[in-house]
Every structure is written in C-alpha cells, then in structure tokens.
Amino acid sequence: MVDLLISVFLFIRGLTNTTTYIQYLQAAFRSHLRHIDRFSFIHDRPTWAHTVLAHYGLRTHRITCVDNYPPVNPDLNAVESVWSWMNRYVQRHHPNSQKHLERLVQQAWNMIPQNVIRGYINNIPNICEHIIANHD
C-alpha cells in the first residue's frame, strides 16, 4: 500500500551521464527530502541510471531505487501504464513543436489523477496472481 505519492517530473535535455543524472535528481528531490523518512524511487531504465554510483547517490539521501520490476511491460510496471496514459493525453492535443510537446507532457503529468496511479500500482498483485495461476 502506498501512503504517499510525490511526483516529480523533469526534462533532461542534452547529454547526460551518471553524475549529471544524480545532480538532476538531487535538485528535483531537494524540497521533498526533509519531509520524508524513506523514499522509493521508480524511474525509466536508462543505462546510466542503473550504476553503482547512481544507486549510492540515491542511498545517501535514504532513497531506495526500485528497479526489480519488468521493463517495458505495462501489465507489471506501473510506470509504463503512466507513460501510456500521458502519451494518449499528448496525442489528443497534437503537439506542433518541441516546446508545445514539453508543455503537453508537463500538463499530462500534472493532470494524471493520483487514484489512477494508485489503481495501476494496486492492480499489480492481481495480475501476478493471474499469471501464476495460468502458468504451465
């Protein structure tokens, strides 16, 4: 059960690596860190985010990186379901420039209802039970 959802959405422009990724995350989480005791972080799976240095950088702020979920599987990965919801929102509004696209992505992120996200997360155990029950 999720007690608190904090959503932080940021655009990473240009080239990045593990060091710059940690700097982006620290800046994004800075205002939230003093309000929470422990934090679990789910993110996409860029190569530079899954390194010893990146995980250490998160752990120093008592942030656990949740990365033991299946990649690119909308049934078992709530993040993929959120991206899908956002993609549908953006496509309905027909972005016509990079700036317009970024504005629509930010709007989609701000508009996705917390109960939708909770529904995706809370449904994962049911999906797992279904998979196990139907496994040959």
Protein backbone atom coordinates (compact mmCIF):
# COMPACT_ATOMS: atom_id res chain seq x y z
CA MET A 1 0.00 0.00 0.00
CA VAL A 2 1.32 3.42 -0.94
CA ASP A 3 0.90 6.00 1.80
CA LEU A 4 2.33 8.98 -0.03
CA LEU A 5 2.97 9.66 -3.67
CA ILE A 6 5.25 12.51 -4.57
CA SER A 7 5.55 13.15 -8.25
CA VAL A 8 8.50 14.98 -9.66
CA PHE A 9 8.74 15.33 -13.41
CA LEU A 10 11.73 16.86 -15.06
CA PHE A 11 13.10 17.14 -18.56
CA ILE A 12 16.73 16.17 -19.01
CA ARG A 13 17.99 18.00 -22.07
CA GLY A 14 21.23 17.37 -23.84
CA LEU A 15 23.78 14.74 -22.96
CA THR A 16 23.85 13.17 -19.54
CA ASN A 17 25.72 10.55 -17.59
CA THR A 18 25.53 9.08 -14.09
CA THR A 19 27.00 12.20 -12.45
CA THR A 20 24.67 14.68 -14.15
CA TYR A 21 21.72 12.31 -13.59
CA ILE A 22 22.39 12.31 -9.83
CA GLN A 23 22.64 16.11 -9.88
CA TYR A 24 19.25 16.36 -11.65
CA LEU A 25 17.68 14.01 -9.11
CA GLN A 26 19.14 15.80 -6.10
CA ALA A 27 17.81 19.11 -7.39
CA ALA A 28 14.38 17.61 -8.10
CA PHE A 29 14.08 15.88 -4.71
CA ARG A 30 15.70 18.59 -2.58
CA SER A 31 12.46 20.14 -1.38
CA HIS A 32 10.92 16.75 -0.56
CA LEU A 33 13.81 15.11 1.30
CA ARG A 34 13.25 16.88 4.62
CA HIS A 35 9.57 15.82 4.67
CA ILE A 36 10.06 12.11 4.23
CA ASP A 37 11.91 9.46 6.18
CA ARG A 38 12.43 6.93 3.42
CA PHE A 39 11.65 7.18 -0.25
CA SER A 40 11.26 4.61 -3.00
CA PHE A 41 12.07 5.86 -6.45
CA ILE A 42 10.83 4.36 -9.72
CA HIS A 43 12.28 5.63 -12.97
CA ASP A 44 12.82 4.58 -16.52
CA ARG A 45 15.72 2.32 -17.25
CA PRO A 46 18.38 4.43 -18.90
CA THR A 47 21.74 2.69 -18.72
CA TRP A 48 23.43 5.50 -16.79
CA ALA A 49 20.75 5.38 -14.06
CA HIS A 50 21.50 1.80 -13.07
CA THR A 51 25.07 2.11 -11.90
CA VAL A 52 26.71 1.64 -8.51
CA LEU A 53 27.38 5.39 -8.37
CA ALA A 54 23.76 6.30 -9.16
CA HIS A 55 22.38 3.89 -6.55
CA TYR A 56 24.89 5.13 -3.98
CA GLY A 57 23.92 8.73 -4.72
CA LEU A 58 20.28 7.88 -4.08
CA ARG A 59 21.01 5.82 -0.94
CA THR A 60 22.94 8.71 0.64
CA HIS A 61 19.59 10.53 0.73
CA ARG A 62 17.74 7.44 2.03
CA ILE A 63 16.18 6.88 -1.39
CA THR A 64 15.73 3.28 -2.49
CA CYS A 65 15.80 2.74 -6.22
CA VAL A 66 13.04 0.31 -7.16
CA ASP A 67 14.39 -1.48 -10.18
CA ASN A 68 13.31 -5.06 -9.68
CA TYR A 69 10.28 -4.75 -11.93
CA PRO A 70 9.93 -5.92 -15.52
CA PRO A 71 10.96 -3.29 -18.08
CA VAL A 72 8.52 -2.14 -20.72
CA ASN A 73 5.71 -4.38 -19.51
CA PRO A 74 2.60 -2.28 -18.90
CA ASP A 75 0.89 -5.12 -17.06
CA LEU A 76 3.60 -5.40 -14.40
CA ASN A 77 5.18 -1.97 -14.43
CA ALA A 78 3.01 0.89 -13.22
CA VAL A 79 5.40 3.45 -14.71
CA GLU A 80 4.70 2.08 -18.20
CA SER A 81 0.96 2.49 -17.58
CA VAL A 82 1.51 6.09 -16.52
CA TRP A 83 3.57 6.78 -19.68
CA SER A 84 0.78 5.23 -21.75
CA TRP A 85 -1.84 7.46 -20.09
CA MET A 86 0.36 10.52 -20.70
CA ASN A 87 1.03 9.52 -24.32
CA ARG A 88 -2.70 9.32 -25.03
CA TYR A 89 -3.19 12.77 -23.47
CA VAL A 90 -0.37 14.31 -25.54
CA GLN A 91 -1.51 12.67 -28.80
CA ARG A 92 -5.05 14.02 -28.34
CA HIS A 93 -3.63 17.55 -28.25
CA HIS A 94 -1.44 17.24 -31.40
CA PRO A 95 1.88 18.86 -30.42
CA ASN A 96 3.30 21.03 -33.17
CA SER A 97 6.73 21.94 -31.76
CA GLN A 98 9.25 20.78 -29.16
CA LYS A 99 8.09 23.49 -26.74
CA HIS A 100 4.44 22.55 -27.25
CA LEU A 101 5.29 18.86 -26.73
CA GLU A 102 7.12 19.61 -23.49
CA ARG A 103 4.23 21.75 -22.25
CA LEU A 104 1.75 18.95 -23.05
CA VAL A 105 3.91 16.35 -21.31
CA GLN A 106 4.08 18.55 -18.21
CA GLN A 107 0.31 19.11 -18.35
CA ALA A 108 -0.31 15.38 -18.69
CA TRP A 109 1.97 14.70 -15.71
CA ASN A 110 0.13 17.29 -13.61
CA MET A 111 -3.31 16.06 -14.68
CA ILE A 112 -2.99 12.32 -14.17
CA PRO A 113 -5.22 11.58 -11.17
CA GLN A 114 -3.48 10.05 -8.15
CA ASN A 115 -6.23 7.42 -7.97
CA VAL A 116 -5.27 6.29 -11.49
CA ILE A 117 -1.66 5.82 -10.40
CA ARG A 118 -2.75 4.04 -7.21
CA GLY A 119 -5.03 1.84 -9.31
CA TYR A 120 -2.12 0.80 -11.54
CA ILE A 121 0.05 0.01 -8.51
CA ASN A 122 -2.67 -1.75 -6.54
CA ASN A 123 -3.60 -3.94 -9.52
CA ILE A 124 -0.12 -5.46 -9.90
CA PRO A 125 -0.66 -8.19 -7.24
CA ASN A 126 -3.87 -9.29 -9.03
CA ILE A 127 -2.02 -9.53 -12.33
CA CYS A 128 0.78 -11.53 -10.70
CA GLU A 129 -1.75 -13.94 -9.17
CA HIS A 130 -3.41 -14.36 -12.57
CA ILE A 131 -0.05 -15.05 -14.25
CA ILE A 132 0.92 -17.59 -11.58
CA ALA A 133 -2.47 -19.32 -11.76
CA ASN A 134 -2.22 -19.66 -15.55
CA HIS A 135 1.45 -20.63 -15.68
CA ASP A 136 2.04 -24.03 -17.27
